[in-house]
Structures are given as C-alpha cells and as structure tokens.
N, C-alpha and C. Protein backbone atom coordinates (compact mmCIF):
# COMPACT_ATOMS: atom_id res chain seq x y z
N MET A 1 5.96 -15.49 -17.71
CA MET A 1 4.50 -14.87 -17.84
C MET A 1 2.91 -15.42 -17.03
N SER A 2 2.64 -15.20 -15.57
CA SER A 2 2.42 -16.17 -15.01
C SER A 2 0.79 -15.69 -15.42
N GLU A 3 -0.13 -16.92 -15.66
CA GLU A 3 -1.74 -16.88 -15.89
C GLU A 3 -2.04 -16.07 -15.16
N LYS A 4 -2.28 -16.09 -13.92
CA LYS A 4 -3.30 -15.37 -13.25
C LYS A 4 -2.78 -13.91 -12.42
N VAL A 5 -4.05 -13.27 -12.15
CA VAL A 5 -3.99 -12.17 -11.45
C VAL A 5 -4.83 -12.36 -10.20
N TYR A 6 -3.59 -11.58 -9.14
CA TYR A 6 -4.32 -11.75 -7.68
C TYR A 6 -5.06 -9.79 -7.59
N GLN A 7 -6.33 -10.06 -7.45
CA GLN A 7 -6.85 -8.84 -7.19
C GLN A 7 -7.22 -8.57 -5.24
N PHE A 8 -6.34 -7.43 -5.04
CA PHE A 8 -6.86 -7.60 -3.49
C PHE A 8 -7.13 -5.83 -3.13
N ARG A 9 -7.93 -6.19 -2.06
CA ARG A 9 -8.60 -4.67 -1.56
C ARG A 9 -7.54 -4.06 -0.47
N VAL A 10 -6.92 -3.12 -0.45
CA VAL A 10 -6.45 -2.52 0.24
C VAL A 10 -6.92 -1.12 1.76
N THR A 11 -7.02 -1.48 2.74
CA THR A 11 -7.76 -0.57 3.69
C THR A 11 -6.60 0.02 4.38
N LEU A 12 -6.79 1.40 4.65
CA LEU A 12 -6.09 1.91 5.89
C LEU A 12 -6.80 2.14 7.09
N SER A 13 -7.03 1.22 8.28
CA SER A 13 -7.67 1.13 9.38
C SER A 13 -7.40 2.18 9.64
N GLU A 14 -8.40 2.08 10.67
CA GLU A 14 -8.88 3.32 12.06
C GLU A 14 -9.08 5.00 11.57
N ILE A 15 -9.13 4.49 9.93
CA ILE A 15 -9.87 6.13 9.39
C ILE A 15 -10.70 6.13 9.06
N GLU A 16 -11.52 7.23 9.56
CA GLU A 16 -13.00 7.15 8.63
C GLU A 16 -13.16 8.52 7.83
N PRO A 17 -13.73 9.33 7.00
CA PRO A 17 -14.12 8.01 6.03
C PRO A 17 -12.82 7.38 5.41
N LYS A 18 -13.20 5.82 4.92
CA LYS A 18 -12.61 4.69 4.82
C LYS A 18 -11.41 5.39 3.63
N ILE A 19 -10.06 5.09 2.97
CA ILE A 19 -9.30 5.55 2.48
C ILE A 19 -8.89 3.78 1.82
N TRP A 20 -9.25 3.52 0.87
CA TRP A 20 -9.09 2.26 -0.20
C TRP A 20 -8.79 2.24 -1.67
N ARG A 21 -8.19 0.89 -1.77
CA ARG A 21 -7.94 0.71 -3.20
C ARG A 21 -8.03 -0.79 -3.80
N VAL A 22 -8.09 -0.77 -4.56
CA VAL A 22 -8.52 -2.22 -5.45
C VAL A 22 -7.10 -1.99 -6.01
N ILE A 23 -6.30 -3.45 -6.03
CA ILE A 23 -4.65 -3.68 -6.97
C ILE A 23 -4.87 -4.71 -7.34
N GLN A 24 -4.76 -4.65 -8.87
CA GLN A 24 -4.65 -6.39 -9.25
C GLN A 24 -3.09 -6.34 -9.71
N VAL A 25 -2.28 -7.38 -9.46
CA VAL A 25 -1.28 -8.10 -9.50
C VAL A 25 -0.89 -9.26 -9.96
N PRO A 26 0.02 -9.70 -10.84
CA PRO A 26 0.73 -11.42 -11.08
C PRO A 26 0.83 -12.10 -9.52
N GLU A 27 0.57 -13.41 -10.52
CA GLU A 27 0.40 -14.77 -9.07
C GLU A 27 1.98 -14.32 -8.42
N ASN A 28 3.20 -14.38 -9.86
CA ASN A 28 4.31 -14.39 -8.96
C ASN A 28 5.36 -13.38 -8.45
N PHE A 29 4.14 -12.74 -7.86
CA PHE A 29 4.47 -11.54 -7.51
C PHE A 29 5.09 -11.72 -5.88
N THR A 30 6.36 -11.46 -5.39
CA THR A 30 6.96 -11.63 -3.79
C THR A 30 6.16 -10.81 -3.21
N PHE A 31 5.80 -11.03 -1.67
CA PHE A 31 5.68 -9.80 -0.70
C PHE A 31 6.23 -8.52 -1.29
N TYR A 32 7.26 -8.50 -1.29
CA TYR A 32 8.00 -7.42 -1.33
C TYR A 32 7.51 -6.61 -2.82
N LYS A 33 7.30 -7.09 -4.03
CA LYS A 33 6.75 -6.70 -5.66
C LYS A 33 5.17 -6.09 -5.03
N LEU A 34 4.22 -7.00 -3.67
CA LEU A 34 3.40 -6.52 -3.43
C LEU A 34 3.36 -5.08 -2.31
N HIS A 35 4.70 -5.32 -1.77
CA HIS A 35 4.81 -3.87 -1.35
C HIS A 35 4.87 -2.97 -1.57
N ARG A 36 5.43 -2.37 -2.75
CA ARG A 36 5.99 -1.64 -3.52
C ARG A 36 4.63 -1.17 -4.32
N ALA A 37 4.21 -1.98 -4.32
CA ALA A 37 2.62 -1.94 -5.41
C ALA A 37 1.84 -1.31 -4.57
N ILE A 38 1.53 -1.57 -3.47
CA ILE A 38 0.30 -0.94 -2.60
C ILE A 38 1.31 -0.04 -2.02
N GLN A 39 2.48 0.37 -1.82
CA GLN A 39 2.91 1.88 -1.80
C GLN A 39 2.11 3.14 -3.12
N ASP A 40 3.27 2.37 -4.32
CA ASP A 40 2.53 3.55 -4.97
C ASP A 40 0.85 3.14 -5.22
N ALA A 41 0.29 2.50 -5.44
CA ALA A 41 -1.21 2.75 -5.01
C ALA A 41 -1.64 3.66 -4.21
N MET A 42 -0.97 3.76 -3.05
CA MET A 42 -1.93 4.29 -1.77
C MET A 42 -1.51 5.54 -1.96
N GLY A 43 -0.20 5.57 -2.50
CA GLY A 43 0.42 7.01 -2.66
C GLY A 43 1.60 7.70 -1.37
N TRP A 44 1.60 6.43 -0.51
CA TRP A 44 3.47 6.28 0.34
C TRP A 44 4.23 6.76 -0.59
N GLU A 45 5.22 6.75 0.15
CA GLU A 45 6.77 7.28 -0.88
C GLU A 45 7.45 5.75 -0.45
N ASP A 46 7.43 5.30 0.64
CA ASP A 46 8.08 3.60 0.49
C ASP A 46 9.56 4.64 1.16
N TYR A 47 9.63 4.99 2.26
CA TYR A 47 10.92 5.65 2.62
C TYR A 47 10.88 4.87 4.00
N HIS A 48 10.27 3.91 4.66
CA HIS A 48 10.48 3.67 5.89
C HIS A 48 10.00 1.95 5.72
N LEU A 49 10.16 0.99 6.81
CA LEU A 49 10.15 -0.38 7.06
C LEU A 49 8.51 -0.63 6.93
N PHE A 50 8.59 -2.30 6.36
CA PHE A 50 6.98 -2.56 6.44
C PHE A 50 7.32 -4.05 7.22
N GLU A 51 6.13 -4.36 7.10
CA GLU A 51 5.71 -5.80 7.63
C GLU A 51 4.49 -6.92 7.39
N PHE A 52 4.02 -7.57 6.56
CA PHE A 52 2.61 -8.42 6.28
C PHE A 52 3.03 -9.34 7.69
N GLU A 53 1.98 -9.60 8.13
CA GLU A 53 1.43 -10.68 8.71
C GLU A 53 0.49 -11.32 8.02
N ILE A 54 0.08 -12.72 7.88
CA ILE A 54 -0.52 -13.53 7.73
C ILE A 54 -0.39 -14.98 7.75
N LYS A 55 -1.49 -15.53 7.90
CA LYS A 55 -1.64 -16.81 8.65
C LYS A 55 -0.91 -17.68 7.52
N ASN A 56 0.01 -18.24 8.34
CA ASN A 56 0.47 -19.54 7.60
C ASN A 56 -0.70 -21.09 7.15
N PRO A 57 -0.44 -20.58 5.48
CA PRO A 57 -1.77 -21.97 5.40
C PRO A 57 -1.10 -23.43 5.45
N LYS A 58 0.28 -23.33 5.95
CA LYS A 58 1.03 -24.86 6.15
C LYS A 58 0.35 -25.29 7.44
N THR A 59 0.89 -23.93 8.57
CA THR A 59 0.32 -24.29 9.77
C THR A 59 -0.61 -23.56 10.83
N GLY A 60 -1.39 -22.90 9.88
CA GLY A 60 -2.18 -22.20 10.73
C GLY A 60 -2.12 -20.82 11.56
N LYS A 61 -0.07 -21.13 11.87
CA LYS A 61 -0.48 -20.14 13.03
C LYS A 61 0.13 -18.69 12.17
N LEU A 62 0.09 -17.45 13.26
CA LEU A 62 0.42 -15.48 12.25
C LEU A 62 2.26 -15.85 11.76
N ALA A 63 2.74 -15.13 10.38
CA ALA A 63 3.51 -15.88 10.10
C ALA A 63 4.13 -13.82 9.65
N LYS A 64 5.04 -13.76 9.92
CA LYS A 64 5.16 -12.14 9.61
C LYS A 64 6.39 -12.68 8.25
N ILE A 65 5.80 -11.32 7.69
CA ILE A 65 6.91 -11.12 6.37
C ILE A 65 7.43 -10.08 5.89
N GLY A 66 8.51 -9.77 5.93
CA GLY A 66 9.65 -8.47 5.95
C GLY A 66 10.57 -8.03 4.98
N ILE A 67 11.34 -7.37 6.01
CA ILE A 67 13.04 -7.38 5.96
C ILE A 67 13.43 -7.88 7.16
N PRO A 68 13.92 -9.09 7.14
CA PRO A 68 14.18 -9.61 7.76
C PRO A 68 16.10 -8.61 8.46
N ASP A 69 16.30 -8.96 9.60
CA ASP A 69 17.13 -8.39 9.95
C ASP A 69 17.79 -9.31 11.12
N GLU A 70 19.17 -8.85 12.48
CA GLU A 70 19.18 -9.69 13.23
C GLU A 70 18.47 -9.57 14.96
N PHE A 71 17.35 -8.94 14.66
CA PHE A 71 16.55 -8.50 15.68
C PHE A 71 15.40 -9.30 15.31
N SER A 72 15.19 -9.62 14.13
CA SER A 72 13.43 -10.32 13.56
C SER A 72 13.99 -11.57 13.12
N ASN A 73 14.42 -12.55 14.08
CA ASN A 73 14.51 -13.68 13.17
C ASN A 73 13.23 -14.18 12.74
N ASP A 74 12.37 -14.77 13.35
CA ASP A 74 11.15 -14.66 12.71
C ASP A 74 10.15 -14.20 11.93
N THR A 75 11.19 -13.01 11.04
CA THR A 75 10.50 -12.44 9.72
C THR A 75 10.92 -13.34 8.87
N LEU A 76 9.91 -13.51 7.67
CA LEU A 76 10.31 -14.28 6.69
C LEU A 76 10.81 -13.02 5.45
N SER A 77 11.89 -13.70 4.41
CA SER A 77 12.06 -12.45 3.68
C SER A 77 11.03 -12.41 2.50
N ALA A 78 10.59 -10.74 2.27
CA ALA A 78 9.93 -10.27 1.84
C ALA A 78 10.33 -10.80 0.35
N LYS A 79 11.33 -10.43 0.41
CA LYS A 79 11.70 -10.97 -1.49
C LYS A 79 11.81 -12.25 -1.63
N ARG A 80 11.38 -13.57 -0.70
CA ARG A 80 11.53 -14.77 -1.65
C ARG A 80 10.13 -15.26 -1.31
N ALA A 81 9.32 -15.15 -0.13
CA ALA A 81 7.73 -15.57 -0.26
C ALA A 81 7.33 -14.61 -1.74
N LYS A 82 6.11 -15.75 -1.91
CA LYS A 82 5.54 -15.58 -3.34
C LYS A 82 4.28 -15.66 -3.08
N ILE A 83 2.82 -14.67 -3.54
CA ILE A 83 2.15 -14.68 -2.77
C ILE A 83 0.96 -15.63 -2.68
N LYS A 84 1.19 -16.52 -4.28
CA LYS A 84 0.67 -17.23 -4.71
C LYS A 84 1.03 -18.75 -3.47
N ASN A 85 1.73 -18.61 -2.80
CA ASN A 85 2.18 -19.17 -2.14
C ASN A 85 1.49 -19.36 -0.98
N TRP A 86 1.07 -18.65 -0.31
CA TRP A 86 0.35 -17.79 0.88
C TRP A 86 -1.04 -17.35 0.84
N PHE A 87 -1.53 -16.67 -0.17
CA PHE A 87 -2.89 -16.11 -0.36
C PHE A 87 -3.82 -17.09 -1.51
N SER A 88 -5.07 -17.35 -0.96
CA SER A 88 -5.81 -18.46 -1.11
C SER A 88 -7.30 -17.84 -1.07
N GLU A 89 -8.45 -19.27 -2.01
CA GLU A 89 -9.73 -18.57 -1.38
C GLU A 89 -9.62 -19.56 -0.08
N ALA A 90 -9.29 -20.42 0.46
CA ALA A 90 -9.39 -20.14 1.99
C ALA A 90 -8.31 -19.39 3.18
N ASN A 91 -7.61 -18.34 2.13
CA ASN A 91 -6.48 -18.01 3.22
C ASN A 91 -6.73 -15.98 2.74
N ARG A 92 -7.50 -15.77 2.89
CA ARG A 92 -7.67 -14.27 1.68
C ARG A 92 -7.44 -13.35 2.08
N LYS A 93 -7.17 -12.90 3.83
CA LYS A 93 -6.97 -11.81 4.69
C LYS A 93 -4.89 -11.65 4.73
N ALA A 94 -4.98 -11.09 5.16
CA ALA A 94 -3.55 -10.14 5.88
C ALA A 94 -3.54 -8.87 6.39
N VAL A 95 -2.75 -8.62 7.16
CA VAL A 95 -2.31 -7.09 7.64
C VAL A 95 -0.78 -6.71 7.07
N TYR A 96 -0.76 -5.42 6.25
CA TYR A 96 0.50 -4.77 5.71
C TYR A 96 0.51 -3.68 6.50
N ILE A 97 1.68 -4.02 7.42
CA ILE A 97 1.90 -2.69 8.28
C ILE A 97 3.23 -1.66 7.49
N TYR A 98 3.54 -0.12 7.59
CA TYR A 98 4.13 0.73 7.12
C TYR A 98 4.65 1.39 7.53
N ASP A 99 5.49 1.59 8.04
CA ASP A 99 6.50 2.95 8.79
C ASP A 99 5.88 2.46 10.34
N PHE A 100 7.12 1.65 11.02
CA PHE A 100 6.81 1.68 12.43
C PHE A 100 6.73 2.58 13.49
N GLY A 101 7.15 3.85 13.12
CA GLY A 101 6.84 4.79 14.01
C GLY A 101 5.56 5.38 13.55
N ASP A 102 5.05 5.91 13.02
CA ASP A 102 3.42 6.71 12.54
C ASP A 102 2.77 5.44 12.37
N TYR A 103 2.80 4.39 11.95
CA TYR A 103 2.10 2.79 12.14
C TYR A 103 0.83 2.93 11.76
N TRP A 104 1.23 2.99 10.13
CA TRP A 104 0.12 2.85 9.18
C TRP A 104 -0.58 0.75 9.11
N VAL A 105 -1.54 0.79 9.46
CA VAL A 105 -1.95 -0.56 9.64
C VAL A 105 -2.96 -0.42 8.42
N HIS A 106 -2.57 -1.46 6.93
CA HIS A 106 -3.63 -1.57 6.13
C HIS A 106 -4.30 -3.15 6.29
N ASP A 107 -5.79 -3.36 5.78
CA ASP A 107 -6.15 -4.59 5.76
C ASP A 107 -6.03 -4.86 4.70
N ILE A 108 -5.71 -6.53 4.24
CA ILE A 108 -5.54 -6.62 3.02
C ILE A 108 -6.55 -7.40 2.70
N GLU A 109 -7.54 -7.61 1.56
CA GLU A 109 -8.32 -9.45 1.21
C GLU A 109 -8.33 -9.45 0.21
N LEU A 110 -7.99 -10.62 -0.28
CA LEU A 110 -7.95 -11.38 -1.56
C LEU A 110 -9.38 -11.25 -1.81
N GLU A 111 -9.71 -10.39 -3.40
CA GLU A 111 -11.37 -10.46 -3.69
C GLU A 111 -11.46 -11.41 -5.05
N ALA A 112 -10.61 -11.71 -5.55
CA ALA A 112 -10.27 -12.66 -6.52
C ALA A 112 -9.51 -13.14 -7.18
N ILE A 113 -9.56 -14.38 -7.51
CA ILE A 113 -8.00 -14.73 -8.63
C ILE A 113 -8.86 -14.96 -9.71
N LEU A 114 -8.08 -14.18 -10.97
CA LEU A 114 -8.64 -13.85 -12.07
C LEU A 114 -7.43 -14.77 -13.06
N HIS A 115 -7.99 -14.67 -14.73
CA HIS A 115 -7.41 -14.75 -15.68
C HIS A 115 -6.63 -13.67 -16.08
N ARG A 116 -5.59 -13.68 -16.26
CA ARG A 116 -4.44 -12.72 -16.76
C ARG A 116 -5.22 -12.29 -18.09
N ASP A 117 -4.82 -11.16 -18.58
CA ASP A 117 -5.63 -10.12 -19.79
C ASP A 117 -4.55 -9.78 -20.24
N ARG A 118 -3.85 -10.34 -21.36
CA ARG A 118 -2.48 -9.89 -21.90
C ARG A 118 -2.66 -8.92 -22.69
N ARG A 119 -3.68 -8.05 -22.65
CA ARG A 119 -3.83 -6.55 -23.15
C ARG A 119 -3.44 -5.36 -22.22
N LYS A 120 -3.36 -5.99 -20.90
CA LYS A 120 -3.20 -4.91 -19.79
C LYS A 120 -1.96 -5.35 -19.02
N VAL A 121 -1.41 -4.21 -18.45
CA VAL A 121 -0.02 -4.26 -17.97
C VAL A 121 -0.36 -4.21 -16.72
N TYR A 122 0.31 -4.78 -16.08
CA TYR A 122 0.13 -5.37 -14.13
C TYR A 122 1.56 -4.65 -13.46
N PRO A 123 1.69 -4.39 -12.29
CA PRO A 123 0.09 -4.07 -11.61
C PRO A 123 -0.49 -2.86 -12.11
N LYS A 124 -2.16 -3.01 -11.69
CA LYS A 124 -2.86 -1.82 -12.10
C LYS A 124 -3.93 -1.34 -11.05
N CYS A 125 -4.52 -0.16 -10.65
CA CYS A 125 -4.90 -0.35 -9.42
C CYS A 125 -6.42 0.25 -10.03
N ILE A 126 -7.39 -0.40 -9.67
CA ILE A 126 -8.62 -0.03 -10.68
C ILE A 126 -10.03 0.24 -9.99
N ALA A 127 -9.93 0.63 -8.59
CA ALA A 127 -10.43 1.31 -8.03
C ALA A 127 -9.78 1.82 -6.59
N GLY A 128 -10.57 2.71 -6.09
CA GLY A 128 -9.80 3.02 -4.71
C GLY A 128 -10.63 4.98 -4.53
N GLU A 129 -10.48 5.07 -3.20
CA GLU A 129 -11.06 6.40 -2.60
C GLU A 129 -10.36 7.20 -1.85
N ARG A 130 -9.97 8.83 -2.16
CA ARG A 130 -9.15 9.42 -1.09
C ARG A 130 -7.54 9.65 -0.89
N ALA A 131 -7.00 10.50 -0.77
CA ALA A 131 -5.90 10.01 -0.81
C ALA A 131 -4.99 9.78 0.96
N CYS A 132 -3.70 9.12 0.63
CA CYS A 132 -3.74 8.62 1.89
C CYS A 132 -2.91 9.72 2.55
N PRO A 133 -2.95 9.73 4.13
CA PRO A 133 -2.05 10.80 4.73
C PRO A 133 -0.94 10.94 4.33
N PRO A 134 -0.21 12.68 4.41
CA PRO A 134 1.09 12.38 4.33
C PRO A 134 2.32 11.63 4.80
N GLU A 135 3.07 11.68 4.65
CA GLU A 135 4.24 10.65 5.09
C GLU A 135 4.64 11.30 6.26
N ASP A 136 4.86 11.16 7.17
CA ASP A 136 5.79 11.53 8.14
C ASP A 136 4.58 12.58 9.27
N CYS A 137 3.43 12.18 9.21
CA CYS A 137 2.20 13.45 9.62
C CYS A 137 2.32 13.04 11.03
N GLY A 138 2.08 11.80 11.67
CA GLY A 138 2.64 11.52 13.16
C GLY A 138 1.18 10.73 13.27
N GLY A 139 1.11 9.71 12.49
CA GLY A 139 0.12 8.66 12.68
C GLY A 139 -1.52 9.03 12.54
N VAL A 140 -2.19 8.31 13.17
CA VAL A 140 -3.61 8.54 12.60
C VAL A 140 -4.04 10.02 13.39
N TYR A 141 -3.71 10.30 15.04
CA TYR A 141 -3.46 11.35 15.13
C TYR A 141 -3.13 12.49 14.67
N GLY A 142 -1.92 12.31 14.02
CA GLY A 142 -1.62 13.86 13.37
C GLY A 142 -2.54 13.76 12.19
N TYR A 143 -2.58 12.71 11.68
CA TYR A 143 -4.07 12.59 10.14
C TYR A 143 -5.37 13.94 10.51
N TYR A 144 -5.72 13.48 11.32
CA TYR A 144 -7.02 13.70 12.18
C TYR A 144 -6.56 15.47 12.11
N ARG A 145 -5.68 15.50 12.56
CA ARG A 145 -5.39 16.98 13.26
C ARG A 145 -5.19 17.65 11.41
N ILE A 146 -4.73 17.50 10.91
CA ILE A 146 -4.17 17.99 9.46
C ILE A 146 -5.79 18.34 8.60
N LEU A 147 -6.56 17.27 9.45
CA LEU A 147 -7.91 17.08 8.31
C LEU A 147 -9.26 18.56 9.24
N GLU A 148 -8.39 18.52 10.59
CA GLU A 148 -9.48 19.28 11.45
C GLU A 148 -8.87 20.91 10.92
N LEU A 149 -7.20 20.99 10.57
CA LEU A 149 -7.09 22.05 9.54
C LEU A 149 -7.91 22.48 8.39
N PHE A 150 -7.77 21.80 7.61
CA PHE A 150 -8.95 21.75 6.69
C PHE A 150 -10.13 22.49 7.08
N LYS A 151 -11.34 21.65 8.19
CA LYS A 151 -12.37 21.67 8.42
C LYS A 151 -12.71 22.99 9.23
N ASN A 152 -11.25 23.21 10.19
CA ASN A 152 -11.81 24.40 10.97
C ASN A 152 -10.28 24.89 11.26
N PRO A 153 -9.96 25.68 9.92
CA PRO A 153 -8.82 26.45 10.25
C PRO A 153 -8.57 27.52 11.28
N GLU A 154 -10.12 28.03 11.82
CA GLU A 154 -9.49 29.08 12.52
C GLU A 154 -9.41 28.33 14.04
N LYS A 155 -8.98 27.13 13.89
CA LYS A 155 -8.98 27.02 16.06
C LYS A 155 -7.57 26.51 15.64
N PHE A 156 -7.01 26.73 14.48
CA PHE A 156 -5.07 27.05 14.57
C PHE A 156 -4.23 28.57 14.39
N ASP A 157 -3.58 28.49 15.68
CA ASP A 157 -3.15 30.35 15.42
C ASP A 157 -2.36 30.63 13.99
N ASP A 158 -2.26 31.42 13.79
CA ASP A 158 -1.56 31.75 12.62
C ASP A 158 -0.47 31.16 12.12
N GLU A 159 0.58 31.44 12.66
CA GLU A 159 2.29 30.43 12.46
C GLU A 159 1.78 29.18 12.18
N GLU A 160 1.20 28.24 13.06
CA GLU A 160 0.80 26.59 13.03
C GLU A 160 0.53 26.66 12.03
N LYS A 161 -0.61 27.24 11.39
CA LYS A 161 -1.22 27.11 10.14
C LYS A 161 -0.65 27.24 9.14
N GLU A 162 0.53 28.53 9.01
CA GLU A 162 1.11 28.89 7.68
C GLU A 162 2.53 27.41 7.61
N GLU A 163 2.78 27.35 8.51
CA GLU A 163 3.44 26.02 9.05
C GLU A 163 3.07 24.57 8.03
N LEU A 164 2.09 24.21 8.56
CA LEU A 164 1.30 23.33 8.12
C LEU A 164 1.03 22.88 6.71
N LEU A 165 0.30 23.79 6.65
CA LEU A 165 0.18 24.30 5.29
C LEU A 165 0.92 24.54 4.05
N GLU A 166 2.31 24.80 4.88
CA GLU A 166 3.30 24.88 3.92
C GLU A 166 3.69 23.84 3.42
N TRP A 167 4.07 22.83 4.74
CA TRP A 167 4.30 21.26 4.84
C TRP A 167 3.77 20.31 3.82
N LEU A 168 2.07 20.91 3.95
CA LEU A 168 1.35 20.33 2.88
C LEU A 168 1.54 20.24 1.41
N GLY A 169 1.53 21.41 1.39
CA GLY A 169 1.53 21.72 -0.46
C GLY A 169 0.52 21.64 -1.03
N TYR A 170 0.31 20.81 -1.91
CA TYR A 170 -0.71 20.87 -2.84
C TYR A 170 -1.62 19.53 -2.11
N TYR A 171 -1.35 19.20 -1.19
CA TYR A 171 -2.56 18.02 0.13
C TYR A 171 -4.02 18.45 -0.28
N ASN A 172 -4.30 17.18 -1.07
CA ASN A 172 -5.88 17.11 -0.96
C ASN A 172 -6.49 16.26 -0.74
N PRO A 173 -7.14 16.18 0.86
CA PRO A 173 -7.88 14.32 1.41
C PRO A 173 -8.40 13.73 0.44
N GLU A 174 -9.53 14.51 -0.30
CA GLU A 174 -10.32 14.28 -1.00
C GLU A 174 -10.03 13.14 -2.11
N LYS A 175 -8.71 13.89 -2.81
CA LYS A 175 -8.71 13.65 -3.85
C LYS A 175 -7.70 11.77 -4.60
N PHE A 176 -8.63 10.95 -5.61
CA PHE A 176 -7.42 10.23 -5.53
C PHE A 176 -8.22 9.52 -7.11
N ASP A 177 -7.14 9.41 -7.90
CA ASP A 177 -8.09 9.17 -9.43
C ASP A 177 -7.19 7.56 -9.75
N PRO A 178 -7.56 6.69 -10.03
CA PRO A 178 -7.17 5.50 -9.87
C PRO A 178 -5.99 5.63 -11.39
N GLY A 179 -6.47 6.33 -12.30
CA GLY A 179 -5.96 6.35 -13.38
C GLY A 179 -4.87 7.08 -13.44
N GLU A 180 -4.29 8.21 -12.27
CA GLU A 180 -3.20 8.26 -12.60
C GLU A 180 -2.23 8.10 -11.36
N VAL A 181 -2.56 6.19 -11.20
CA VAL A 181 -1.50 5.76 -10.64
C VAL A 181 -0.72 4.97 -11.08
N GLU A 182 0.70 5.67 -10.87
CA GLU A 182 1.60 5.06 -11.79
C GLU A 182 3.13 4.11 -11.42
N PHE A 183 2.94 2.70 -11.14
CA PHE A 183 3.70 1.92 -10.54
C PHE A 183 5.13 2.14 -11.12
N ARG A 184 6.18 2.27 -9.91
CA ARG A 184 7.44 2.93 -10.66
C ARG A 184 7.91 1.13 -11.11
N ASP A 185 8.17 0.51 -11.02
CA ASP A 185 8.73 -0.88 -11.48
C ASP A 185 7.80 -1.43 -12.52
N SER A 186 6.69 -0.78 -12.94
CA SER A 186 6.08 -0.88 -14.35
C SER A 186 6.59 -0.13 -15.10
N THR A 187 6.89 1.01 -14.55
CA THR A 187 7.61 2.14 -15.16
C THR A 187 8.76 1.57 -15.87
N ARG A 188 9.80 1.30 -15.23
CA ARG A 188 11.38 1.40 -15.60
C ARG A 188 11.08 0.20 -16.46
N LYS A 189 10.40 -1.10 -16.60
CA LYS A 189 10.58 -1.95 -17.25
C LYS A 189 10.37 -1.66 -18.68
N LYS A 190 9.17 -0.99 -18.54
CA LYS A 190 8.71 0.08 -20.07
C LYS A 190 9.85 0.48 -20.55
N LYS A 191 10.68 1.83 -19.56
CA LYS A 191 11.49 2.34 -20.19
C LYS A 191 12.52 1.97 -20.42
N LYS A 192 12.46 1.33 -19.78
CA LYS A 192 14.11 -0.08 -20.62
C LYS A 192 14.02 -0.61 -22.12
N LYS A 193 12.64 -1.75 -21.96
CA LYS A 193 12.07 -1.96 -23.43
C LYS A 193 12.17 -1.03 -24.26
N GLN A 194 11.80 0.41 -24.03
CA GLN A 194 11.63 0.86 -25.04
C GLN A 194 12.92 1.85 -25.98
N GLN A 195 14.08 1.78 -24.88
CA GLN A 195 15.43 2.19 -24.91
C GLN A 195 16.44 0.81 -25.62
N LYS A 196 15.76 -0.60 -25.78
CA LYS A 196 16.16 -1.93 -26.29
C LYS A 196 15.83 -1.45 -27.93
N ARG A 197 14.83 -0.55 -28.04
CA ARG A 197 14.01 -0.86 -29.51
C ARG A 197 15.21 0.00 -30.06
C-alpha cells in the first residue's frame, strides 16, 4: 500500500464557467488508473481514446502517455507509466485529452502530495463544480449549443428541441455533488472483498 496520495485539480479548458474536480489518488497509480479516476470524477463514460501530455522530468521535453499503437510510436504506455515518476513539486502540470473527435482538453495540476489517511478509500473526489458535457455532444461548440437550449429554448424549432431534450434525458449542466462520485475500479475491488468473506 502506498504511503502518499496525490491531489490533482482537473479543469476542462475552453469552458466558462469552469467545470472542475479535485481528486486524490494513490502515488502508485499508473496514468491509466488516473485516466479512469478522471473519467469517473468528471462523469465521462470512457468510450473514447485518451492521452496525457506532460513534461518528461528527465529530458525536459514534452511526452505523450496513452495507449500506443502502430501509428503512435512516440506514445508511452499509460498502463506502465506511474504518476509518481512524472509528477512532482517541480513538475506539477499536465494536459489530459479525451475523445479525439470532440477533443476535450483538461488542465491537470498537482495541488499537493499528502500522507495517506488509512481510514479513507482512494481514489476520492473532494470538490468540484458543474456537470461535464454529455458524451458525444460535438465538443465545445455542441456543449454551448446545449446550454443555449436551456437558456433560450425559443430559439430552437419544436422538432430540434424535442430531439435534443430526449437525447439529453435528465442532464442538468449545473448539477455536481462530489459525494455522489463512484469510482468504478474501487467499487469492483470492494465487491470482490465482500464476496470472499
């Protein structure tokens, strides 16, 4: 069990007012596990590819960490790279890109390196504001169009309005409660432990 916890602020860029989360994850997390924690905290569905961009602390050059394939020889494996080897007091910032179609860019900042509280389960979301955009809504432009629908529904014809509202379901762009965040990987581990008892 790791002794330290990394606290990150994750902010969706190009969106105002800001959509952000503060999460705490164990220092031994890989970038893949960090990706999963961000997905759960933000409210994404993990349908698409992702990539981190971060300065390599050894070379000072920008590195890409994600899921390598034959077309991305310069991408390091997110399942192997551990966050503790990349993030530090001197190397606090990274960019996380999710869905290369809608192209959601998240600014990541290491806020603190903390001692692990053994009474708590990690990862943990401790703060945040506003719901993330709906999956596959068409990027920043599509998201602002949804906000326009809520603010000025009279600008939309009845058919388009009906289609959008049906597709959105119960979506509320202002709603977010850090206490309601469930981390899927953590939940699975808990269930396995309970089954063993």
